[in-house]
Amino acid sequence: IDGAIRDHYWAIEMGGELAGFFMLRGLDTGYAKPSFGIFVAEHWSGRGLAAAALEYSKAWCTEHGVSTMMLKVAPDNAAARRIYQDAGFVPVGTCPDTGHAIHEWRSDRS
């Protein structure tokens, strides 16, 4: 992404096709803990790509001295909440603007 310095964006390619992308952002705007975001194309959903992206992001954070990562998830997105819980994220609050649950991962809990 043009202008990204500390924020990171990755593509997920499967069989020569763009299957999705994920990111850690917020570092460029001064936040100490990046926000994880992901999109997986419908055709590729349910194949473990989100879990793999989370594991990669956790490893990246650990390697780069980032001890905490956060994300937001809609309350009715049970599949995503399960993936995040399995990856070691815990709920820490609710976003007042969207009503989405805020989850956090810390390297000392993984």
PDB file of N, CA and C in Angstrom:
ATOM      1  N   ILE A   1       0.863  -1.173   0.000  1.00  0.00           N
ATOM      2  CA  ILE A   1       0.000   0.000   0.000  1.00  0.00           C
ATOM      3  C   ILE A   1       0.902   1.225   0.000  1.00  0.00           C
ATOM      4  N   ASP A   2       0.615   2.128  -0.889  1.00  0.00           N
ATOM      5  CA  ASP A   2       1.402   3.343  -1.017  1.00  0.00           C
ATOM      6  C   ASP A   2       1.370   4.140   0.284  1.00  0.00           C
ATOM      7  N   GLY A   3       2.528   4.488   0.795  1.00  0.00           N
ATOM      8  CA  GLY A   3       2.614   5.278   2.009  1.00  0.00           C
ATOM      9  C   GLY A   3       2.706   4.476   3.291  1.00  0.00           C
ATOM     10  N   ALA A   4       2.490   3.177   3.232  1.00  0.00           N
ATOM     11  CA  ALA A   4       2.604   2.354   4.439  1.00  0.00           C
ATOM     12  C   ALA A   4       4.073   2.197   4.798  1.00  0.00           C
ATOM     13  N   ILE A   5       4.391   2.463   6.052  1.00  0.00           N
ATOM     14  CA  ILE A   5       5.766   2.319   6.516  1.00  0.00           C
ATOM     15  C   ILE A   5       5.843   1.184   7.526  1.00  0.00           C
ATOM     16  N   ARG A   6       5.085   1.295   8.593  1.00  0.00           N
ATOM     17  CA  ARG A   6       5.084   0.252   9.628  1.00  0.00           C
ATOM     18  C   ARG A   6       3.877  -0.671   9.507  1.00  0.00           C
ATOM     19  N   ASP A   7       2.801  -0.201   8.879  1.00  0.00           N
ATOM     20  CA  ASP A   7       1.645  -1.060   8.626  1.00  0.00           C
ATOM     21  C   ASP A   7       2.039  -2.085   7.564  1.00  0.00           C
ATOM     22  N   HIS A   8       1.401  -3.259   7.611  1.00  0.00           N
ATOM     23  CA  HIS A   8       1.743  -4.320   6.658  1.00  0.00           C
ATOM     24  C   HIS A   8       0.480  -4.919   6.061  1.00  0.00           C
ATOM     25  N   TYR A   9       0.565  -5.233   4.775  1.00  0.00           N
ATOM     26  CA  TYR A   9      -0.539  -5.782   4.005  1.00  0.00           C
ATOM     27  C   TYR A   9      -0.010  -6.977   3.218  1.00  0.00           C
ATOM     28  N   TRP A  10      -0.727  -8.107   3.280  1.00  0.00           N
ATOM     29  CA  TRP A  10      -0.307  -9.315   2.579  1.00  0.00           C
ATOM     30  C   TRP A  10      -1.454  -9.859   1.740  1.00  0.00           C
ATOM     31  N   ALA A  11      -1.114 -10.407   0.582  1.00  0.00           N
ATOM     32  CA  ALA A  11      -2.088 -11.086  -0.270  1.00  0.00           C
ATOM     33  C   ALA A  11      -2.018 -12.583   0.014  1.00  0.00           C
ATOM     34  N   ILE A  12      -3.148 -13.246  -0.156  1.00  0.00           N
ATOM     35  CA  ILE A  12      -3.208 -14.709  -0.049  1.00  0.00           C
ATOM     36  C   ILE A  12      -3.509 -15.232  -1.444  1.00  0.00           C
ATOM     37  N   GLU A  13      -2.570 -15.957  -1.995  1.00  0.00           N
ATOM     38  CA  GLU A  13      -2.738 -16.496  -3.338  1.00  0.00           C
ATOM     39  C   GLU A  13      -2.876 -18.013  -3.259  1.00  0.00           C
ATOM     40  N   MET A  14      -3.863 -18.530  -3.937  1.00  0.00           N
ATOM     41  CA  MET A  14      -4.092 -19.982  -3.985  1.00  0.00           C
ATOM     42  C   MET A  14      -4.278 -20.369  -5.448  1.00  0.00           C
ATOM     43  N   GLY A  15      -3.438 -21.254  -5.929  1.00  0.00           N
ATOM     44  CA  GLY A  15      -3.575 -21.731  -7.310  1.00  0.00           C
ATOM     45  C   GLY A  15      -3.532 -20.618  -8.334  1.00  0.00           C
ATOM     46  N   GLY A  16      -2.706 -19.612  -8.091  1.00  0.00           N
ATOM     47  CA  GLY A  16      -2.595 -18.494  -9.019  1.00  0.00           C
ATOM     48  C   GLY A  16      -3.735 -17.497  -8.938  1.00  0.00           C
ATOM     49  N   GLU A  17      -4.593 -17.652  -7.952  1.00  0.00           N
ATOM     50  CA  GLU A  17      -5.772 -16.789  -7.802  1.00  0.00           C
ATOM     51  C   GLU A  17      -5.674 -16.026  -6.478  1.00  0.00           C
ATOM     52  N   LEU A  18      -6.087 -14.771  -6.501  1.00  0.00           N
ATOM     53  CA  LEU A  18      -6.136 -13.998  -5.264  1.00  0.00           C
ATOM     54  C   LEU A  18      -7.290 -14.528  -4.422  1.00  0.00           C
ATOM     55  N   ALA A  19      -6.949 -15.169  -3.309  1.00  0.00           N
ATOM     56  CA  ALA A  19      -7.954 -15.783  -2.442  1.00  0.00           C
ATOM     57  C   ALA A  19      -8.372 -14.851  -1.312  1.00  0.00           C
ATOM     58  N   GLY A  20      -7.545 -13.849  -1.033  1.00  0.00           N
ATOM     59  CA  GLY A  20      -7.863 -12.915   0.036  1.00  0.00           C
ATOM     60  C   GLY A  20      -6.673 -12.041   0.353  1.00  0.00           C
ATOM     61  N   PHE A  21      -6.804 -11.290   1.420  1.00  0.00           N
ATOM     62  CA  PHE A  21      -5.701 -10.463   1.897  1.00  0.00           C
ATOM     63  C   PHE A  21      -5.894 -10.234   3.387  1.00  0.00           C
ATOM     64  N   PHE A  22      -4.798  -9.886   4.062  1.00  0.00           N
ATOM     65  CA  PHE A  22      -4.885  -9.555   5.477  1.00  0.00           C
ATOM     66  C   PHE A  22      -3.894  -8.462   5.787  1.00  0.00           C
ATOM     67  N   MET A  23      -4.084  -7.842   6.936  1.00  0.00           N
ATOM     68  CA  MET A  23      -3.270  -6.673   7.266  1.00  0.00           C
ATOM     69  C   MET A  23      -3.098  -6.519   8.761  1.00  0.00           C
ATOM     70  N   LEU A  24      -2.044  -5.814   9.105  1.00  0.00           N
ATOM     71  CA  LEU A  24      -1.823  -5.288  10.447  1.00  0.00           C
ATOM     72  C   LEU A  24      -1.650  -3.791  10.240  1.00  0.00           C
ATOM     73  N   ARG A  25      -2.585  -3.019  10.750  1.00  0.00           N
ATOM     74  CA  ARG A  25      -2.517  -1.581  10.507  1.00  0.00           C
ATOM     75  C   ARG A  25      -2.751  -0.810  11.794  1.00  0.00           C
ATOM     76  N   GLY A  26      -2.438   0.472  11.736  1.00  0.00           N
ATOM     77  CA  GLY A  26      -2.570   1.344  12.893  1.00  0.00           C
ATOM     78  C   GLY A  26      -1.220   1.794  13.428  1.00  0.00           C
ATOM     79  N   LEU A  27      -0.169   1.052  13.097  1.00  0.00           N
ATOM     80  CA  LEU A  27       1.164   1.422  13.565  1.00  0.00           C
ATOM     81  C   LEU A  27       1.605   2.749  12.949  1.00  0.00           C
ATOM     82  N   ASP A  28       1.281   2.968  11.677  1.00  0.00           N
ATOM     83  CA  ASP A  28       1.657   4.222  11.008  1.00  0.00           C
ATOM     84  C   ASP A  28       0.953   5.439  11.590  1.00  0.00           C
ATOM     85  N   THR A  29      -0.169   5.229  12.250  1.00  0.00           N
ATOM     86  CA  THR A  29      -0.891   6.358  12.853  1.00  0.00           C
ATOM     87  C   THR A  29      -0.627   6.474  14.348  1.00  0.00           C
ATOM     88  N   GLY A  30       0.351   5.708  14.845  1.00  0.00           N
ATOM     89  CA  GLY A  30       0.800   5.882  16.215  1.00  0.00           C
ATOM     90  C   GLY A  30       0.262   4.915  17.242  1.00  0.00           C
ATOM     91  N   TYR A  31      -0.557   3.964  16.834  1.00  0.00           N
ATOM     92  CA  TYR A  31      -1.059   2.990  17.798  1.00  0.00           C
ATOM     93  C   TYR A  31       0.039   1.989  18.151  1.00  0.00           C
ATOM     94  N   ALA A  32       0.119   1.610  19.414  1.00  0.00           N
ATOM     95  CA  ALA A  32       1.140   0.656  19.868  1.00  0.00           C
ATOM     96  C   ALA A  32       0.790  -0.768  19.464  1.00  0.00           C
ATOM     97  N   LYS A  33      -0.511  -1.063  19.379  1.00  0.00           N
ATOM     98  CA  LYS A  33      -0.918  -2.411  18.983  1.00  0.00           C
ATOM     99  C   LYS A  33      -1.663  -2.327  17.654  1.00  0.00           C
ATOM    100  N   PRO A  34      -1.206  -3.112  16.677  1.00  0.00           N
ATOM    101  CA  PRO A  34      -1.859  -3.067  15.373  1.00  0.00           C
ATOM    102  C   PRO A  34      -3.217  -3.761  15.402  1.00  0.00           C
ATOM    103  N   SER A  35      -4.033  -3.372  14.451  1.00  0.00           N
ATOM    104  CA  SER A  35      -5.346  -3.977  14.263  1.00  0.00           C
ATOM    105  C   SER A  35      -5.253  -4.980  13.118  1.00  0.00           C
ATOM    106  N   PHE A  36      -5.665  -6.211  13.377  1.00  0.00           N
ATOM    107  CA  PHE A  36      -5.684  -7.267  12.361  1.00  0.00           C
ATOM    108  C   PHE A  36      -6.975  -7.153  11.565  1.00  0.00           C
ATOM    109  N   GLY A  37      -6.859  -7.285  10.264  1.00  0.00           N
ATOM    110  CA  GLY A  37      -8.028  -7.328   9.396  1.00  0.00           C
ATOM    111  C   GLY A  37      -7.812  -8.361   8.309  1.00  0.00           C
ATOM    112  N   ILE A  38      -8.886  -8.985   7.874  1.00  0.00           N
ATOM    113  CA  ILE A  38      -8.764 -10.021   6.841  1.00  0.00           C
ATOM    114  C   ILE A  38     -10.007 -10.046   5.962  1.00  0.00           C
ATOM    115  N   PHE A  39      -9.777 -10.407   4.702  1.00  0.00           N
ATOM    116  CA  PHE A  39     -10.857 -10.700   3.769  1.00  0.00           C
ATOM    117  C   PHE A  39     -10.473 -11.985   3.049  1.00  0.00           C
ATOM    118  N   VAL A  40     -11.385 -12.937   3.022  1.00  0.00           N
ATOM    119  CA  VAL A  40     -11.194 -14.173   2.263  1.00  0.00           C
ATOM    120  C   VAL A  40     -12.352 -14.275   1.279  1.00  0.00           C
ATOM    121  N   ALA A  41     -12.025 -14.471   0.007  1.00  0.00           N
ATOM    122  CA  ALA A  41     -13.050 -14.615  -1.016  1.00  0.00           C
ATOM    123  C   ALA A  41     -13.952 -15.795  -0.682  1.00  0.00           C
ATOM    124  N   GLU A  42     -15.226 -15.648  -0.979  1.00  0.00           N
ATOM    125  CA  GLU A  42     -16.213 -16.668  -0.614  1.00  0.00           C
ATOM    126  C   GLU A  42     -15.820 -18.061  -1.112  1.00  0.00           C
ATOM    127  N   HIS A  43     -15.300 -18.131  -2.312  1.00  0.00           N
ATOM    128  CA  HIS A  43     -14.890 -19.421  -2.896  1.00  0.00           C
ATOM    129  C   HIS A  43     -13.832 -20.120  -2.051  1.00  0.00           C
ATOM    130  N   TRP A  44     -13.040 -19.359  -1.306  1.00  0.00           N
ATOM    131  CA  TRP A  44     -11.946 -19.917  -0.519  1.00  0.00           C
ATOM    132  C   TRP A  44     -12.261 -19.999   0.970  1.00  0.00           C
ATOM    133  N   SER A  45     -13.445 -19.588   1.373  1.00  0.00           N
ATOM    134  CA  SER A  45     -13.758 -19.612   2.804  1.00  0.00           C
ATOM    135  C   SER A  45     -13.886 -21.047   3.310  1.00  0.00           C
ATOM    136  N   GLY A  46     -13.618 -21.206   4.601  1.00  0.00           N
ATOM    137  CA  GLY A  46     -13.727 -22.517   5.222  1.00  0.00           C
ATOM    138  C   GLY A  46     -12.548 -23.436   4.960  1.00  0.00           C
ATOM    139  N   ARG A  47     -11.460 -22.895   4.450  1.00  0.00           N
ATOM    140  CA  ARG A  47     -10.292 -23.722   4.114  1.00  0.00           C
ATOM    141  C   ARG A  47      -9.078 -23.426   4.997  1.00  0.00           C
ATOM    142  N   GLY A  48      -9.291 -22.690   6.087  1.00  0.00           N
ATOM    143  CA  GLY A  48      -8.202 -22.447   7.027  1.00  0.00           C
ATOM    144  C   GLY A  48      -7.327 -21.248   6.723  1.00  0.00           C
ATOM    145  N   LEU A  49      -7.703 -20.444   5.729  1.00  0.00           N
ATOM    146  CA  LEU A  49      -6.864 -19.302   5.369  1.00  0.00           C
ATOM    147  C   LEU A  49      -6.824 -18.239   6.464  1.00  0.00           C
ATOM    148  N   ALA A  50      -7.940 -17.991   7.117  1.00  0.00           N
ATOM    149  CA  ALA A  50      -7.964 -16.992   8.196  1.00  0.00           C
ATOM    150  C   ALA A  50      -7.086 -17.445   9.364  1.00  0.00           C
ATOM    151  N   ALA A  51      -7.171 -18.706   9.713  1.00  0.00           N
ATOM    152  CA  ALA A  51      -6.343 -19.223  10.805  1.00  0.00           C
ATOM    153  C   ALA A  51      -4.871 -19.127  10.446  1.00  0.00           C
ATOM    154  N   ALA A  52      -4.516 -19.438   9.212  1.00  0.00           N
ATOM    155  CA  ALA A  52      -3.121 -19.341   8.777  1.00  0.00           C
ATOM    156  C   ALA A  52      -2.649 -17.893   8.798  1.00  0.00           C
ATOM    157  N   ALA A  53      -3.499 -16.965   8.369  1.00  0.00           N
ATOM    158  CA  ALA A  53      -3.143 -15.544   8.386  1.00  0.00           C
ATOM    159  C   ALA A  53      -2.935 -15.058   9.821  1.00  0.00           C
ATOM    160  N   LEU A  54      -3.754 -15.522  10.730  1.00  0.00           N
ATOM    161  CA  LEU A  54      -3.586 -15.145  12.139  1.00  0.00           C
ATOM    162  C   LEU A  54      -2.273 -15.671  12.693  1.00  0.00           C
ATOM    163  N   GLU A  55      -1.945 -16.911  12.392  1.00  0.00           N
ATOM    164  CA  GLU A  55      -0.680 -17.488  12.875  1.00  0.00           C
ATOM    165  C   GLU A  55       0.508 -16.724  12.305  1.00  0.00           C
ATOM    166  N   TYR A  56       0.432 -16.379  11.018  1.00  0.00           N
ATOM    167  CA  TYR A  56       1.500 -15.597  10.403  1.00  0.00           C
ATOM    168  C   TYR A  56       1.612 -14.236  11.094  1.00  0.00           C
ATOM    169  N   SER A  57       0.497 -13.586  11.336  1.00  0.00           N
ATOM    170  CA  SER A  57       0.494 -12.270  11.973  1.00  0.00           C
ATOM    171  C   SER A  57       1.050 -12.327  13.387  1.00  0.00           C
ATOM    172  N   LYS A  58       0.689 -13.362  14.132  1.00  0.00           N
ATOM    173  CA  LYS A  58       1.227 -13.531  15.484  1.00  0.00           C
ATOM    174  C   LYS A  58       2.744 -13.709  15.438  1.00  0.00           C
ATOM    175  N   ALA A  59       3.224 -14.517  14.501  1.00  0.00           N
ATOM    176  CA  ALA A  59       4.671 -14.723  14.362  1.00  0.00           C
ATOM    177  C   ALA A  59       5.357 -13.420  13.961  1.00  0.00           C
ATOM    178  N   TRP A  60       4.745 -12.677  13.048  1.00  0.00           N
ATOM    179  CA  TRP A  60       5.316 -11.398  12.631  1.00  0.00           C
ATOM    180  C   TRP A  60       5.412 -10.456  13.829  1.00  0.00           C
ATOM    181  N   CYS A  61       4.351 -10.366  14.607  1.00  0.00           N
ATOM    182  CA  CYS A  61       4.355  -9.493  15.790  1.00  0.00           C
ATOM    183  C   CYS A  61       5.457  -9.903  16.757  1.00  0.00           C
ATOM    184  N   THR A  62       5.556 -11.177  17.050  1.00  0.00           N
ATOM    185  CA  THR A  62       6.574 -11.668  17.977  1.00  0.00           C
ATOM    186  C   THR A  62       7.972 -11.329  17.467  1.00  0.00           C
ATOM    187  N   GLU A  63       8.206 -11.569  16.193  1.00  0.00           N
ATOM    188  CA  GLU A  63       9.516 -11.309  15.597  1.00  0.00           C
ATOM    189  C   GLU A  63       9.883  -9.826  15.601  1.00  0.00           C
ATOM    190  N   HIS A  64       8.877  -8.960  15.527  1.00  0.00           N
ATOM    191  CA  HIS A  64       9.125  -7.516  15.441  1.00  0.00           C
ATOM    192  C   HIS A  64       8.873  -6.782  16.757  1.00  0.00           C
ATOM    193  N   GLY A  65       8.782  -7.524  17.856  1.00  0.00           N
ATOM    194  CA  GLY A  65       8.658  -6.905  19.169  1.00  0.00           C
ATOM    195  C   GLY A  65       7.316  -6.266  19.451  1.00  0.00           C
ATOM    196  N   VAL A  66       6.282  -6.700  18.741  1.00  0.00           N
ATOM    197  CA  VAL A  66       4.922  -6.202  18.975  1.00  0.00           C
ATOM    198  C   VAL A  66       4.214  -7.232  19.844  1.00  0.00           C
ATOM    199  N   SER A  67       3.903  -6.863  21.075  1.00  0.00           N
ATOM    200  CA  SER A  67       3.401  -7.844  22.032  1.00  0.00           C
ATOM    201  C   SER A  67       1.880  -7.989  22.045  1.00  0.00           C
ATOM    202  N   THR A  68       1.164  -7.054  21.426  1.00  0.00           N
ATOM    203  CA  THR A  68      -0.301  -7.085  21.465  1.00  0.00           C
ATOM    204  C   THR A  68      -0.864  -6.744  20.092  1.00  0.00           C
ATOM    205  N   MET A  69      -1.909  -7.465  19.710  1.00  0.00           N
ATOM    206  CA  MET A  69      -2.630  -7.224  18.463  1.00  0.00           C
ATOM    207  C   MET A  69      -4.113  -7.211  18.803  1.00  0.00           C
ATOM    208  N   MET A  70      -4.893  -6.403  18.088  1.00  0.00           N
ATOM    209  CA  MET A  70      -6.329  -6.370  18.358  1.00  0.00           C
ATOM    210  C   MET A  70      -7.100  -6.555  17.059  1.00  0.00           C
ATOM    211  N   LEU A  71      -8.391  -6.829  17.217  1.00  0.00           N
ATOM    212  CA  LEU A  71      -9.293  -6.905  16.078  1.00  0.00           C
ATOM    213  C   LEU A  71     -10.705  -6.645  16.571  1.00  0.00           C
ATOM    214  N   LYS A  72     -11.581  -6.360  15.630  1.00  0.00           N
ATOM    215  CA  LYS A  72     -13.007  -6.187  15.942  1.00  0.00           C
ATOM    216  C   LYS A  72     -13.784  -7.189  15.111  1.00  0.00           C
ATOM    217  N   VAL A  73     -14.860  -7.708  15.705  1.00  0.00           N
ATOM    218  CA  VAL A  73     -15.676  -8.695  15.005  1.00  0.00           C
ATOM    219  C   VAL A  73     -17.145  -8.461  15.349  1.00  0.00           C
ATOM    220  N   ALA A  74     -17.984  -8.603  14.326  1.00  0.00           N
ATOM    221  CA  ALA A  74     -19.425  -8.441  14.527  1.00  0.00           C
ATOM    222  C   ALA A  74     -19.936  -9.511  15.486  1.00  0.00           C
ATOM    223  N   PRO A  75     -20.840  -9.156  16.387  1.00  0.00           N
ATOM    224  CA  PRO A  75     -21.330 -10.110  17.391  1.00  0.00           C
ATOM    225  C   PRO A  75     -21.983 -11.350  16.785  1.00  0.00           C
ATOM    226  N   ASP A  76     -22.551 -11.229  15.586  1.00  0.00           N
ATOM    227  CA  ASP A  76     -23.237 -12.377  14.984  1.00  0.00           C
ATOM    228  C   ASP A  76     -22.326 -13.222  14.097  1.00  0.00           C
ATOM    229  N   ASN A  77     -21.024 -12.909  14.055  1.00  0.00           N
ATOM    230  CA  ASN A  77     -20.093 -13.668  13.223  1.00  0.00           C
ATOM    231  C   ASN A  77     -19.425 -14.760  14.058  1.00  0.00           C
ATOM    232  N   ALA A  78     -20.198 -15.801  14.328  1.00  0.00           N
ATOM    233  CA  ALA A  78     -19.741 -16.886  15.209  1.00  0.00           C
ATOM    234  C   ALA A  78     -18.533 -17.616  14.646  1.00  0.00           C
ATOM    235  N   ALA A  79     -18.484 -17.813  13.337  1.00  0.00           N
ATOM    236  CA  ALA A  79     -17.355 -18.532  12.738  1.00  0.00           C
ATOM    237  C   ALA A  79     -16.052 -17.771  12.970  1.00  0.00           C
ATOM    238  N   ALA A  80     -16.066 -16.464  12.753  1.00  0.00           N
ATOM    239  CA  ALA A  80     -14.859 -15.656  12.969  1.00  0.00           C
ATOM    240  C   ALA A  80     -14.480 -15.631  14.444  1.00  0.00           C
ATOM    241  N   ARG A  81     -15.462 -15.472  15.319  1.00  0.00           N
ATOM    242  CA  ARG A  81     -15.167 -15.452  16.763  1.00  0.00           C
ATOM    243  C   ARG A  81     -14.491 -16.755  17.197  1.00  0.00           C
ATOM    244  N   ARG A  82     -14.928 -17.871  16.646  1.00  0.00           N
ATOM    245  CA  ARG A  82     -14.339 -19.172  16.981  1.00  0.00           C
ATOM    246  C   ARG A  82     -12.883 -19.239  16.498  1.00  0.00           C
ATOM    247  N   ILE A  83     -12.618 -18.772  15.292  1.00  0.00           N
ATOM    248  CA  ILE A  83     -11.253 -18.761  14.758  1.00  0.00           C
ATOM    249  C   ILE A  83     -10.361 -17.888  15.636  1.00  0.00           C
ATOM    250  N   TYR A  84     -10.865 -16.712  16.023  1.00  0.00           N
ATOM    251  CA  TYR A  84     -10.071 -15.796  16.839  1.00  0.00           C
ATOM    252  C   TYR A  84      -9.812 -16.378  18.230  1.00  0.00           C
ATOM    253  N   GLN A  85     -10.819 -16.999  18.807  1.00  0.00           N
ATOM    254  CA  GLN A  85     -10.645 -17.626  20.121  1.00  0.00           C
ATOM    255  C   GLN A  85      -9.609 -18.746  20.042  1.00  0.00           C
ATOM    256  N   ASP A  86      -9.699 -19.566  19.006  1.00  0.00           N
ATOM    257  CA  ASP A  86      -8.735 -20.655  18.835  1.00  0.00           C
ATOM    258  C   ASP A  86      -7.310 -20.126  18.653  1.00  0.00           C
ATOM    259  N   ALA A  87      -7.182 -18.905  18.126  1.00  0.00           N
ATOM    260  CA  ALA A  87      -5.861 -18.293  17.913  1.00  0.00           C
ATOM    261  C   ALA A  87      -5.352 -17.569  19.152  1.00  0.00           C
ATOM    262  N   GLY A  88      -6.123 -17.593  20.237  1.00  0.00           N
ATOM    263  CA  GLY A  88      -5.665 -16.992  21.483  1.00  0.00           C
ATOM    264  C   GLY A  88      -6.158 -15.585  21.743  1.00  0.00           C
ATOM    265  N   PHE A  89      -7.084 -15.092  20.936  1.00  0.00           N
ATOM    266  CA  PHE A  89      -7.674 -13.771  21.178  1.00  0.00           C
ATOM    267  C   PHE A  89      -8.731 -13.880  22.272  1.00  0.00           C
ATOM    268  N   VAL A  90      -8.809 -12.853  23.109  1.00  0.00           N
ATOM    269  CA  VAL A  90      -9.828 -12.813  24.155  1.00  0.00           C
ATOM    270  C   VAL A  90     -10.616 -11.513  24.023  1.00  0.00           C
ATOM    271  N   PRO A  91     -11.924 -11.540  24.310  1.00  0.00           N
ATOM    272  CA  PRO A  91     -12.719 -10.321  24.253  1.00  0.00           C
ATOM    273  C   PRO A  91     -12.289  -9.353  25.355  1.00  0.00           C
ATOM    274  N   VAL A  92     -12.160  -8.078  24.991  1.00  0.00           N
ATOM    275  CA  VAL A  92     -11.744  -7.072  25.973  1.00  0.00           C
ATOM    276  C   VAL A  92     -12.691  -5.878  26.019  1.00  0.00           C
ATOM    277  N   GLY A  93     -13.706  -5.856  25.155  1.00  0.00           N
ATOM    278  CA  GLY A  93     -14.640  -4.737  25.177  1.00  0.00           C
ATOM    279  C   GLY A  93     -15.509  -4.713  23.941  1.00  0.00           C
ATOM    280  N   THR A  94     -16.228  -3.610  23.796  1.00  0.00           N
ATOM    281  CA  THR A  94     -17.124  -3.403  22.665  1.00  0.00           C
ATOM    282  C   THR A  94     -16.851  -2.038  22.063  1.00  0.00           C
ATOM    283  N   CYS A  95     -16.769  -1.976  20.754  1.00  0.00           N
ATOM    284  CA  CYS A  95     -16.562  -0.707  20.062  1.00  0.00           C
ATOM    285  C   CYS A  95     -17.837   0.132  20.183  1.00  0.00           C
ATOM    286  N   PRO A  96     -17.738   1.318  20.758  1.00  0.00           N
ATOM    287  CA  PRO A  96     -18.946   2.131  20.925  1.00  0.00           C
ATOM    288  C   PRO A  96     -19.527   2.622  19.606  1.00  0.00           C
ATOM    289  N   ASP A  97     -18.701   2.696  18.559  1.00  0.00           N
ATOM    290  CA  ASP A  97     -19.178   3.196  17.268  1.00  0.00           C
ATOM    291  C   ASP A  97     -19.924   2.144  16.461  1.00  0.00           C
ATOM    292  N   THR A  98     -19.478   0.874  16.543  1.00  0.00           N
ATOM    293  CA  THR A  98     -20.039  -0.176  15.686  1.00  0.00           C
ATOM    294  C   THR A  98     -20.783  -1.262  16.447  1.00  0.00           C
ATOM    295  N   GLY A  99     -20.515  -1.376  17.748  1.00  0.00           N
ATOM    296  CA  GLY A  99     -21.089  -2.472  18.525  1.00  0.00           C
ATOM    297  C   GLY A  99     -20.333  -3.772  18.345  1.00  0.00           C
ATOM    298  N   HIS A 100     -19.250  -3.748  17.574  1.00  0.00           N
ATOM    299  CA  HIS A 100     -18.460  -4.958  17.367  1.00  0.00           C
ATOM    300  C   HIS A 100     -17.635  -5.270  18.609  1.00  0.00           C
ATOM    301  N   ALA A 101     -17.440  -6.540  18.841  1.00  0.00           N
ATOM    302  CA  ALA A 101     -16.619  -6.986  19.964  1.00  0.00           C
ATOM    303  C   ALA A 101     -15.154  -6.717  19.648  1.00  0.00           C
ATOM    304  N   ILE A 102     -14.432  -6.198  20.610  1.00  0.00           N
ATOM    305  CA  ILE A 102     -12.994  -5.979  20.474  1.00  0.00           C
ATOM    306  C   ILE A 102     -12.297  -7.161  21.134  1.00  0.00           C
ATOM    307  N   HIS A 103     -11.399  -7.793  20.391  1.00  0.00           N
ATOM    308  CA  HIS A 103     -10.629  -8.920  20.889  1.00  0.00           C
ATOM    309  C   HIS A 103      -9.153  -8.559  20.834  1.00  0.00           C
ATOM    310  N   GLU A 104      -8.397  -9.161  21.741  1.00  0.00           N
ATOM    311  CA  GLU A 104      -6.987  -8.849  21.827  1.00  0.00           C
ATOM    312  C   GLU A 104      -6.173 -10.128  21.978  1.00  0.00           C
ATOM    313  N   TRP A 105      -5.026 -10.150  21.345  1.00  0.00           N
ATOM    314  CA  TRP A 105      -4.045 -11.224  21.498  1.00  0.00           C
ATOM    315  C   TRP A 105      -2.784 -10.608  22.092  1.00  0.00           C
ATOM    316  N   ARG A 106      -2.226 -11.279  23.080  1.00  0.00           N
ATOM    317  CA  ARG A 106      -0.962 -10.838  23.681  1.00  0.00           C
ATOM    318  C   ARG A 106       0.016 -11.991  23.605  1.00  0.00           C
ATOM    319  N   SER A 107       1.244 -11.688  23.265  1.00  0.00           N
ATOM    320  CA  SER A 107       2.248 -12.730  23.088  1.00  0.00           C
ATOM    321  C   SER A 107       2.514 -13.499  24.373  1.00  0.00           C
ATOM    322  N   ASP A 108       2.302 -12.876  25.521  1.00  0.00           N
ATOM    323  CA  ASP A 108       2.544 -13.580  26.786  1.00  0.00           C
ATOM    324  C   ASP A 108       1.398 -14.531  27.149  1.00  0.00           C
ATOM    325  N   ARG A 109       0.321 -14.539  26.354  1.00  0.00           N
ATOM    326  CA  ARG A 109      -0.806 -15.459  26.595  1.00  0.00           C
ATOM    327  C   ARG A 109      -0.861 -16.569  25.575  1.00  0.00           C
ATOM    328  N   SER A 110      -0.062 -16.475  24.515  1.00  0.00           N
ATOM    329  CA  SER A 110      -0.204 -17.427  23.412  1.00  0.00           C
ATOM    330  C   SER A 110       0.333 -18.753  23.738  1.00  0.00           C
TER     331      SER A 110
END
